[in-house]
Full PDB file with SEQRES, HELIX, SHEET, SSBOND, CRYST1, ORIGX, SCALE, CONECT and MASTER records, all heavy atoms in Angstrom:
SEQRES   1 A   35  GLN ALA GLY GLY SER VAL ARG LEU ALA CYS THR ALA SER          
SEQRES   2 A   35  GLY ARG THR PHE THR ASP TYR VAL MET ALA TRP PHE ARG          
SEQRES   3 A   35  ARG GLY PRO GLY ASN GLU ARG GLU PHE                          
HELIX    1 AA1 PHE A   17  ASP A   19  5                                   3    
CRYST1    1.000    1.000    1.000  90.00  90.00  90.00 P 1           1          
ORIGX1      1.000000  0.000000  0.000000        0.00000                         
ORIGX2      0.000000  1.000000  0.000000        0.00000                         
ORIGX3      0.000000  0.000000  1.000000        0.00000                         
SCALE1      1.000000  0.000000  0.000000        0.00000                         
SCALE2      0.000000  1.000000  0.000000        0.00000                         
SCALE3      0.000000  0.000000  1.000000        0.00000                         
ATOM      1  N   GLN A   1      73.049  75.593 123.602  1.00  0.00           N  
ATOM      2  CA  GLN A   1      74.497  75.708 123.836  1.00  0.00           C  
ATOM      3  C   GLN A   1      74.915  76.991 124.491  1.00  0.00           C  
ATOM      4  O   GLN A   1      74.266  78.013 124.275  1.00  0.00           O  
ATOM      5  CB  GLN A   1      75.234  75.494 122.478  1.00  0.00           C  
ATOM      6  CG  GLN A   1      76.720  75.162 122.672  1.00  0.00           C  
ATOM      7  CD  GLN A   1      77.311  74.630 121.312  1.00  0.00           C  
ATOM      8  OE1 GLN A   1      76.687  74.782 120.256  1.00  0.00           O  
ATOM      9  NE2 GLN A   1      78.489  74.020 121.429  1.00  0.00           N  
ATOM     10  N   ALA A   2      75.893  76.933 125.393  1.00  0.00           N  
ATOM     11  CA  ALA A   2      76.405  78.117 126.064  1.00  0.00           C  
ATOM     12  C   ALA A   2      76.853  79.051 124.928  1.00  0.00           C  
ATOM     13  O   ALA A   2      77.447  78.687 123.988  1.00  0.00           O  
ATOM     14  CB  ALA A   2      77.539  77.731 126.944  1.00  0.00           C  
ATOM     15  N   GLY A   3      76.578  80.311 125.168  1.00  0.00           N  
ATOM     16  CA  GLY A   3      76.855  81.391 124.192  1.00  0.00           C  
ATOM     17  C   GLY A   3      75.752  81.570 123.172  1.00  0.00           C  
ATOM     18  O   GLY A   3      75.751  82.643 122.495  1.00  0.00           O  
ATOM     19  N   GLY A   4      74.819  80.762 123.136  1.00  0.00           N  
ATOM     20  CA  GLY A   4      73.696  80.839 122.259  1.00  0.00           C  
ATOM     21  C   GLY A   4      72.592  81.730 122.901  1.00  0.00           C  
ATOM     22  O   GLY A   4      72.804  82.328 123.950  1.00  0.00           O  
ATOM     23  N   SER A   5      71.441  81.774 122.230  1.00  0.00           N  
ATOM     24  CA  SER A   5      70.416  82.538 122.687  1.00  0.00           C  
ATOM     25  C   SER A   5      69.068  81.699 122.703  1.00  0.00           C  
ATOM     26  O   SER A   5      68.969  80.662 121.941  1.00  0.00           O  
ATOM     27  CB  SER A   5      70.168  83.807 121.856  1.00  0.00           C  
ATOM     28  OG  SER A   5      69.851  83.466 120.549  1.00  0.00           O  
ATOM     29  N   VAL A   6      68.116  82.094 123.411  1.00  0.00           N  
ATOM     30  CA  VAL A   6      66.861  81.524 123.437  1.00  0.00           C  
ATOM     31  C   VAL A   6      65.725  82.552 123.612  1.00  0.00           C  
ATOM     32  O   VAL A   6      65.911  83.632 124.242  1.00  0.00           O  
ATOM     33  CB  VAL A   6      66.718  80.473 124.585  1.00  0.00           C  
ATOM     34  CG1 VAL A   6      66.755  81.105 125.997  1.00  0.00           C  
ATOM     35  CG2 VAL A   6      65.522  79.613 124.425  1.00  0.00           C  
ATOM     36  N   ARG A   7      64.572  82.239 123.021  1.00  0.00           N  
ATOM     37  CA  ARG A   7      63.407  83.188 123.215  1.00  0.00           C  
ATOM     38  C   ARG A   7      62.318  82.342 123.733  1.00  0.00           C  
ATOM     39  O   ARG A   7      61.789  81.392 123.051  1.00  0.00           O  
ATOM     40  CB  ARG A   7      63.038  83.771 121.870  1.00  0.00           C  
ATOM     41  CG  ARG A   7      61.929  84.797 121.968  1.00  0.00           C  
ATOM     42  CD  ARG A   7      61.340  85.142 120.656  1.00  0.00           C  
ATOM     43  NE  ARG A   7      60.546  86.320 120.564  1.00  0.00           N  
ATOM     44  CZ  ARG A   7      59.512  86.496 119.822  1.00  0.00           C  
ATOM     45  NH1 ARG A   7      59.165  85.501 118.950  1.00  0.00           N  
ATOM     46  NH2 ARG A   7      58.857  87.638 119.806  1.00  0.00           N  
ATOM     47  N   LEU A   8      61.944  82.651 124.950  1.00  0.00           N  
ATOM     48  CA  LEU A   8      60.773  82.047 125.649  1.00  0.00           C  
ATOM     49  C   LEU A   8      59.497  82.775 125.391  1.00  0.00           C  
ATOM     50  O   LEU A   8      59.561  84.066 125.307  1.00  0.00           O  
ATOM     51  CB  LEU A   8      61.075  81.888 127.118  1.00  0.00           C  
ATOM     52  CG  LEU A   8      62.344  81.161 127.535  1.00  0.00           C  
ATOM     53  CD1 LEU A   8      62.451  81.364 129.028  1.00  0.00           C  
ATOM     54  CD2 LEU A   8      62.342  79.759 127.076  1.00  0.00           C  
ATOM     55  N   ALA A   9      58.415  82.140 125.176  1.00  0.00           N  
ATOM     56  CA  ALA A   9      57.142  82.707 124.936  1.00  0.00           C  
ATOM     57  C   ALA A   9      56.151  82.241 125.882  1.00  0.00           C  
ATOM     58  O   ALA A   9      56.248  81.151 126.463  1.00  0.00           O  
ATOM     59  CB  ALA A   9      56.658  82.470 123.514  1.00  0.00           C  
ATOM     60  N   CYS A  10      55.262  83.108 126.325  1.00  0.00           N  
ATOM     61  CA  CYS A  10      54.228  82.759 127.229  1.00  0.00           C  
ATOM     62  C   CYS A  10      52.825  83.286 126.570  1.00  0.00           C  
ATOM     63  O   CYS A  10      52.702  84.396 126.410  1.00  0.00           O  
ATOM     64  CB  CYS A  10      54.452  83.327 128.614  1.00  0.00           C  
ATOM     65  SG  CYS A  10      53.032  83.176 129.749  1.00  0.00           S  
ATOM     66  N   THR A  11      51.946  82.258 126.335  1.00  0.00           N  
ATOM     67  CA  THR A  11      50.728  82.617 125.769  1.00  0.00           C  
ATOM     68  C   THR A  11      49.534  82.549 126.805  1.00  0.00           C  
ATOM     69  O   THR A  11      49.485  81.635 127.545  1.00  0.00           O  
ATOM     70  CB  THR A  11      50.395  81.528 124.643  1.00  0.00           C  
ATOM     71  OG1 THR A  11      51.535  81.610 123.749  1.00  0.00           O  
ATOM     72  CG2 THR A  11      49.093  81.864 123.912  1.00  0.00           C  
ATOM     73  N   ALA A  12      48.830  83.643 126.779  1.00  0.00           N  
ATOM     74  CA  ALA A  12      47.737  83.782 127.846  1.00  0.00           C  
ATOM     75  C   ALA A  12      46.392  83.596 127.162  1.00  0.00           C  
ATOM     76  O   ALA A  12      46.202  83.950 126.001  1.00  0.00           O  
ATOM     77  CB  ALA A  12      47.836  85.157 128.503  1.00  0.00           C  
ATOM     78  N   SER A  13      45.436  83.068 127.945  1.00  0.00           N  
ATOM     79  CA  SER A  13      44.107  82.913 127.419  1.00  0.00           C  
ATOM     80  C   SER A  13      43.125  82.980 128.577  1.00  0.00           C  
ATOM     81  O   SER A  13      43.528  82.765 129.785  1.00  0.00           O  
ATOM     82  CB  SER A  13      43.918  81.680 126.652  1.00  0.00           C  
ATOM     83  OG  SER A  13      44.204  80.524 127.460  1.00  0.00           O  
ATOM     84  N   GLY A  14      41.945  83.341 128.389  1.00  0.00           N  
ATOM     85  CA  GLY A  14      40.938  83.266 129.405  1.00  0.00           C  
ATOM     86  C   GLY A  14      40.416  84.567 129.991  1.00  0.00           C  
ATOM     87  O   GLY A  14      39.343  84.718 130.540  1.00  0.00           O  
ATOM     88  N   ARG A  15      41.298  85.527 130.037  1.00  0.00           N  
ATOM     89  CA  ARG A  15      40.928  86.922 130.569  1.00  0.00           C  
ATOM     90  C   ARG A  15      41.587  87.936 129.644  1.00  0.00           C  
ATOM     91  O   ARG A  15      42.350  87.598 128.739  1.00  0.00           O  
ATOM     92  CB  ARG A  15      41.535  87.002 132.007  1.00  0.00           C  
ATOM     93  CG  ARG A  15      40.781  86.179 132.995  1.00  0.00           C  
ATOM     94  CD  ARG A  15      39.571  86.758 133.561  1.00  0.00           C  
ATOM     95  NE  ARG A  15      38.834  85.949 134.511  1.00  0.00           N  
ATOM     96  CZ  ARG A  15      38.992  85.979 135.869  1.00  0.00           C  
ATOM     97  NH1 ARG A  15      39.857  86.890 136.434  1.00  0.00           N  
ATOM     98  NH2 ARG A  15      38.309  85.250 136.581  1.00  0.00           N  
ATOM     99  N   THR A  16      41.268  89.175 129.959  1.00  0.00           N  
ATOM    100  CA  THR A  16      41.829  90.239 129.217  1.00  0.00           C  
ATOM    101  C   THR A  16      43.336  90.492 129.436  1.00  0.00           C  
ATOM    102  O   THR A  16      43.669  90.894 130.588  1.00  0.00           O  
ATOM    103  CB  THR A  16      41.083  91.574 129.478  1.00  0.00           C  
ATOM    104  OG1 THR A  16      39.689  91.372 129.251  1.00  0.00           O  
ATOM    105  CG2 THR A  16      41.577  92.732 128.549  1.00  0.00           C  
ATOM    106  N   PHE A  17      44.151  90.124 128.549  1.00  0.00           N  
ATOM    107  CA  PHE A  17      45.593  90.182 128.735  1.00  0.00           C  
ATOM    108  C   PHE A  17      46.099  91.533 129.122  1.00  0.00           C  
ATOM    109  O   PHE A  17      47.036  91.647 129.993  1.00  0.00           O  
ATOM    110  CB  PHE A  17      46.234  89.697 127.377  1.00  0.00           C  
ATOM    111  CG  PHE A  17      47.742  89.519 127.503  1.00  0.00           C  
ATOM    112  CD1 PHE A  17      48.330  88.604 128.330  1.00  0.00           C  
ATOM    113  CD2 PHE A  17      48.538  90.259 126.605  1.00  0.00           C  
ATOM    114  CE1 PHE A  17      49.677  88.486 128.357  1.00  0.00           C  
ATOM    115  CE2 PHE A  17      49.929  90.149 126.658  1.00  0.00           C  
ATOM    116  CZ  PHE A  17      50.464  89.195 127.554  1.00  0.00           C  
ATOM    117  N   THR A  18      45.540  92.632 128.675  1.00  0.00           N  
ATOM    118  CA  THR A  18      45.999  93.897 128.965  1.00  0.00           C  
ATOM    119  C   THR A  18      45.645  94.412 130.289  1.00  0.00           C  
ATOM    120  O   THR A  18      45.999  95.518 130.758  1.00  0.00           O  
ATOM    121  CB  THR A  18      45.583  94.905 127.882  1.00  0.00           C  
ATOM    122  OG1 THR A  18      44.172  94.800 127.734  1.00  0.00           O  
ATOM    123  CG2 THR A  18      46.281  94.669 126.549  1.00  0.00           C  
ATOM    124  N   ASP A  19      44.936  93.591 131.074  1.00  0.00           N  
ATOM    125  CA  ASP A  19      44.660  93.948 132.556  1.00  0.00           C  
ATOM    126  C   ASP A  19      45.855  93.499 133.470  1.00  0.00           C  
ATOM    127  O   ASP A  19      45.741  93.790 134.590  1.00  0.00           O  
ATOM    128  CB  ASP A  19      43.401  93.215 133.044  1.00  0.00           C  
ATOM    129  CG  ASP A  19      42.161  93.817 132.457  1.00  0.00           C  
ATOM    130  OD1 ASP A  19      42.179  95.021 131.985  1.00  0.00           O  
ATOM    131  OD2 ASP A  19      41.040  93.123 132.476  1.00  0.00           O  
ATOM    132  N   TYR A  20      46.845  92.926 132.812  1.00  0.00           N  
ATOM    133  CA  TYR A  20      47.851  92.273 133.676  1.00  0.00           C  
ATOM    134  C   TYR A  20      49.213  92.772 133.428  1.00  0.00           C  
ATOM    135  O   TYR A  20      49.673  92.884 132.242  1.00  0.00           O  
ATOM    136  CB  TYR A  20      47.830  90.726 133.478  1.00  0.00           C  
ATOM    137  CG  TYR A  20      46.573  90.126 133.962  1.00  0.00           C  
ATOM    138  CD1 TYR A  20      45.466  89.967 133.121  1.00  0.00           C  
ATOM    139  CD2 TYR A  20      46.434  89.577 135.196  1.00  0.00           C  
ATOM    140  CE1 TYR A  20      44.299  89.415 133.490  1.00  0.00           C  
ATOM    141  CE2 TYR A  20      45.253  88.979 135.732  1.00  0.00           C  
ATOM    142  CZ  TYR A  20      44.194  88.932 134.825  1.00  0.00           C  
ATOM    143  OH  TYR A  20      43.013  88.336 135.221  1.00  0.00           O  
ATOM    144  N   VAL A  21      49.988  93.005 134.522  1.00  0.00           N  
ATOM    145  CA  VAL A  21      51.391  93.081 134.406  1.00  0.00           C  
ATOM    146  C   VAL A  21      51.887  91.633 134.261  1.00  0.00           C  
ATOM    147  O   VAL A  21      51.436  90.753 134.920  1.00  0.00           O  
ATOM    148  CB  VAL A  21      52.008  93.740 135.740  1.00  0.00           C  
ATOM    149  CG1 VAL A  21      53.554  93.514 135.733  1.00  0.00           C  
ATOM    150  CG2 VAL A  21      51.633  95.157 135.757  1.00  0.00           C  
ATOM    151  N   MET A  22      52.771  91.478 133.341  1.00  0.00           N  
ATOM    152  CA  MET A  22      53.387  90.153 133.106  1.00  0.00           C  
ATOM    153  C   MET A  22      54.903  90.214 133.584  1.00  0.00           C  
ATOM    154  O   MET A  22      55.626  91.128 133.440  1.00  0.00           O  
ATOM    155  CB  MET A  22      53.286  89.802 131.645  1.00  0.00           C  
ATOM    156  CG  MET A  22      51.887  89.758 131.084  1.00  0.00           C  
ATOM    157  SD  MET A  22      50.893  88.511 131.885  1.00  0.00           S  
ATOM    158  CE  MET A  22      51.731  87.025 131.496  1.00  0.00           C  
ATOM    159  N   ALA A  23      55.284  88.975 133.981  1.00  0.00           N  
ATOM    160  CA  ALA A  23      56.610  88.912 134.491  1.00  0.00           C  
ATOM    161  C   ALA A  23      57.215  87.435 134.260  1.00  0.00           C  
ATOM    162  O   ALA A  23      56.425  86.574 134.032  1.00  0.00           O  
ATOM    163  CB  ALA A  23      56.735  89.118 135.959  1.00  0.00           C  
ATOM    164  N   TRP A  24      58.445  87.357 134.315  1.00  0.00           N  
ATOM    165  CA  TRP A  24      59.210  86.136 134.253  1.00  0.00           C  
ATOM    166  C   TRP A  24      59.953  85.960 135.515  1.00  0.00           C  
ATOM    167  O   TRP A  24      60.649  86.880 135.986  1.00  0.00           O  
ATOM    168  CB  TRP A  24      60.162  86.120 133.064  1.00  0.00           C  
ATOM    169  CG  TRP A  24      59.510  85.973 131.759  1.00  0.00           C  
ATOM    170  CD1 TRP A  24      59.183  87.015 130.919  1.00  0.00           C  
ATOM    171  CD2 TRP A  24      59.144  84.807 131.065  1.00  0.00           C  
ATOM    172  NE1 TRP A  24      58.554  86.570 129.777  1.00  0.00           N  
ATOM    173  CE2 TRP A  24      58.586  85.219 129.845  1.00  0.00           C  
ATOM    174  CE3 TRP A  24      59.129  83.434 131.355  1.00  0.00           C  
ATOM    175  CZ2 TRP A  24      58.060  84.270 128.875  1.00  0.00           C  
ATOM    176  CZ3 TRP A  24      58.734  82.515 130.443  1.00  0.00           C  
ATOM    177  CH2 TRP A  24      58.177  82.923 129.253  1.00  0.00           C  
ATOM    178  N   PHE A  25      59.899  84.740 136.021  1.00  0.00           N  
ATOM    179  CA  PHE A  25      60.671  84.282 137.193  1.00  0.00           C  
ATOM    180  C   PHE A  25      61.429  83.033 136.773  1.00  0.00           C  
ATOM    181  O   PHE A  25      61.078  82.393 135.782  1.00  0.00           O  
ATOM    182  CB  PHE A  25      59.727  83.915 138.401  1.00  0.00           C  
ATOM    183  CG  PHE A  25      59.059  85.142 139.078  1.00  0.00           C  
ATOM    184  CD1 PHE A  25      57.989  85.772 138.445  1.00  0.00           C  
ATOM    185  CD2 PHE A  25      59.624  85.663 140.250  1.00  0.00           C  
ATOM    186  CE1 PHE A  25      57.460  86.833 139.065  1.00  0.00           C  
ATOM    187  CE2 PHE A  25      58.974  86.791 140.787  1.00  0.00           C  
ATOM    188  CZ  PHE A  25      57.875  87.357 140.230  1.00  0.00           C  
ATOM    189  N   ARG A  26      62.485  82.766 137.544  1.00  0.00           N  
ATOM    190  CA  ARG A  26      63.189  81.450 137.225  1.00  0.00           C  
ATOM    191  C   ARG A  26      63.597  80.747 138.604  1.00  0.00           C  
ATOM    192  O   ARG A  26      63.740  81.496 139.599  1.00  0.00           O  
ATOM    193  CB  ARG A  26      64.414  81.683 136.407  1.00  0.00           C  
ATOM    194  CG  ARG A  26      65.494  82.530 137.050  1.00  0.00           C  
ATOM    195  CD  ARG A  26      66.609  82.673 136.144  1.00  0.00           C  
ATOM    196  NE  ARG A  26      67.690  83.470 136.753  1.00  0.00           N  
ATOM    197  CZ  ARG A  26      68.840  83.835 136.158  1.00  0.00           C  
ATOM    198  NH1 ARG A  26      69.032  83.505 134.827  1.00  0.00           N  
ATOM    199  NH2 ARG A  26      69.765  84.543 136.811  1.00  0.00           N  
ATOM    200  N   ARG A  27      63.741  79.472 138.420  1.00  0.00           N  
ATOM    201  CA  ARG A  27      64.246  78.722 139.562  1.00  0.00           C  
ATOM    202  C   ARG A  27      65.191  77.709 139.054  1.00  0.00           C  
ATOM    203  O   ARG A  27      64.904  76.844 138.284  1.00  0.00           O  
ATOM    204  CB  ARG A  27      63.074  78.007 140.273  1.00  0.00           C  
ATOM    205  CG  ARG A  27      63.548  77.095 141.418  1.00  0.00           C  
ATOM    206  CD  ARG A  27      62.354  76.457 142.155  1.00  0.00           C  
ATOM    207  NE  ARG A  27      61.556  77.430 142.932  1.00  0.00           N  
ATOM    208  CZ  ARG A  27      60.435  77.208 143.481  1.00  0.00           C  
ATOM    209  NH1 ARG A  27      59.941  76.049 143.379  1.00  0.00           N  
ATOM    210  NH2 ARG A  27      59.844  78.150 144.205  1.00  0.00           N  
ATOM    211  N   GLY A  28      66.515  77.919 139.422  1.00  0.00           N  
ATOM    212  CA  GLY A  28      67.562  77.086 139.124  1.00  0.00           C  
ATOM    213  C   GLY A  28      67.674  75.945 140.094  1.00  0.00           C  
ATOM    214  O   GLY A  28      67.025  75.880 141.131  1.00  0.00           O  
ATOM    215  N   PRO A  29      68.493  74.853 139.815  1.00  0.00           N  
ATOM    216  CA  PRO A  29      68.560  73.681 140.600  1.00  0.00           C  
ATOM    217  C   PRO A  29      69.034  74.120 142.027  1.00  0.00           C  
ATOM    218  O   PRO A  29      70.057  74.735 142.211  1.00  0.00           O  
ATOM    219  CB  PRO A  29      69.688  72.892 139.888  1.00  0.00           C  
ATOM    220  CG  PRO A  29      69.652  73.358 138.433  1.00  0.00           C  
ATOM    221  CD  PRO A  29      69.213  74.840 138.534  1.00  0.00           C  
ATOM    222  N   GLY A  30      68.269  73.723 143.010  1.00  0.00           N  
ATOM    223  CA  GLY A  30      68.652  73.952 144.352  1.00  0.00           C  
ATOM    224  C   GLY A  30      68.413  75.401 144.811  1.00  0.00           C  
ATOM    225  O   GLY A  30      68.752  75.809 145.903  1.00  0.00           O  
ATOM    226  N   ASN A  31      67.808  76.205 143.902  1.00  0.00           N  
ATOM    227  CA  ASN A  31      67.669  77.626 144.255  1.00  0.00           C  
ATOM    228  C   ASN A  31      66.194  77.992 144.528  1.00  0.00           C  
ATOM    229  O   ASN A  31      65.314  77.292 144.095  1.00  0.00           O  
ATOM    230  CB  ASN A  31      68.231  78.538 143.104  1.00  0.00           C  
ATOM    231  CG  ASN A  31      69.696  78.355 142.932  1.00  0.00           C  
ATOM    232  OD1 ASN A  31      70.452  77.957 143.862  1.00  0.00           O  
ATOM    233  ND2 ASN A  31      70.132  78.543 141.682  1.00  0.00           N  
ATOM    234  N   GLU A  32      66.077  79.095 145.135  1.00  0.00           N  
ATOM    235  CA  GLU A  32      64.676  79.659 145.237  1.00  0.00           C  
ATOM    236  C   GLU A  32      64.270  80.373 143.985  1.00  0.00           C  
ATOM    237  O   GLU A  32      65.053  80.751 143.071  1.00  0.00           O  
ATOM    238  CB  GLU A  32      64.562  80.641 146.461  1.00  0.00           C  
ATOM    239  CG  GLU A  32      64.877  79.973 147.746  1.00  0.00           C  
ATOM    240  CD  GLU A  32      64.703  80.942 148.967  1.00  0.00           C  
ATOM    241  OE1 GLU A  32      64.394  82.203 148.674  1.00  0.00           O  
ATOM    242  OE2 GLU A  32      64.723  80.521 150.108  1.00  0.00           O  
ATOM    243  N   ARG A  33      62.918  80.485 143.809  1.00  0.00           N  
ATOM    244  CA  ARG A  33      62.430  81.264 142.658  1.00  0.00           C  
ATOM    245  C   ARG A  33      62.988  82.691 142.744  1.00  0.00           C  
ATOM    246  O   ARG A  33      62.898  83.376 143.793  1.00  0.00           O  
ATOM    247  CB  ARG A  33      60.974  81.231 142.655  1.00  0.00           C  
ATOM    248  CG  ARG A  33      60.273  81.978 141.538  1.00  0.00           C  
ATOM    249  CD  ARG A  33      58.787  81.887 141.634  1.00  0.00           C  
ATOM    250  NE  ARG A  33      58.198  80.702 141.296  1.00  0.00           N  
ATOM    251  CZ  ARG A  33      56.977  80.300 141.724  1.00  0.00           C  
ATOM    252  NH1 ARG A  33      56.274  81.140 142.450  1.00  0.00           N  
ATOM    253  NH2 ARG A  33      56.525  79.158 141.285  1.00  0.00           N  
ATOM    254  N   GLU A  34      63.376  83.222 141.661  1.00  0.00           N  
ATOM    255  CA  GLU A  34      63.855  84.642 141.601  1.00  0.00           C  
ATOM    256  C   GLU A  34      63.196  85.379 140.502  1.00  0.00           C  
ATOM    257  O   GLU A  34      62.861  84.825 139.428  1.00  0.00           O  
ATOM    258  CB  GLU A  34      65.370  84.707 141.544  1.00  0.00           C  
ATOM    259  CG  GLU A  34      65.901  84.121 140.132  1.00  0.00           C  
ATOM    260  CD  GLU A  34      67.458  84.457 140.047  1.00  0.00           C  
ATOM    261  OE1 GLU A  34      67.863  85.456 140.604  1.00  0.00           O  
ATOM    262  OE2 GLU A  34      68.051  83.640 139.361  1.00  0.00           O  
ATOM    263  N   PHE A  35      62.998  86.627 140.725  1.00  0.00           N  
ATOM    264  CA  PHE A  35      62.400  87.576 139.760  1.00  0.00           C  
ATOM    265  C   PHE A  35      63.418  87.876 138.683  1.00  0.00           C  
ATOM    266  O   PHE A  35      64.630  88.025 138.970  1.00  0.00           O  
ATOM    267  CB  PHE A  35      62.009  88.846 140.433  1.00  0.00           C  
ATOM    268  CG  PHE A  35      61.664  89.979 139.489  1.00  0.00           C  
ATOM    269  CD1 PHE A  35      60.386  89.974 138.920  1.00  0.00           C  
ATOM    270  CD2 PHE A  35      62.619  90.948 139.116  1.00  0.00           C  
ATOM    271  CE1 PHE A  35      60.013  91.005 138.091  1.00  0.00           C  
ATOM    272  CE2 PHE A  35      62.260  91.954 138.299  1.00  0.00           C  
ATOM    273  CZ  PHE A  35      60.960  92.039 137.703  1.00  0.00           C  
TER     274      PHE A  35                                                      
MASTER        0    0    0    1    0    0    0    6  273    1    0    3          
END                                                                             
């Protein structure tokens, strides 16, 4: 609901997690992917 909050999680596996910078991007309807 608008005004609420959400917590997204991303779980990694397969390589050493601390070797990586992690980021979130998003793509809204009809939009390009944005940082």
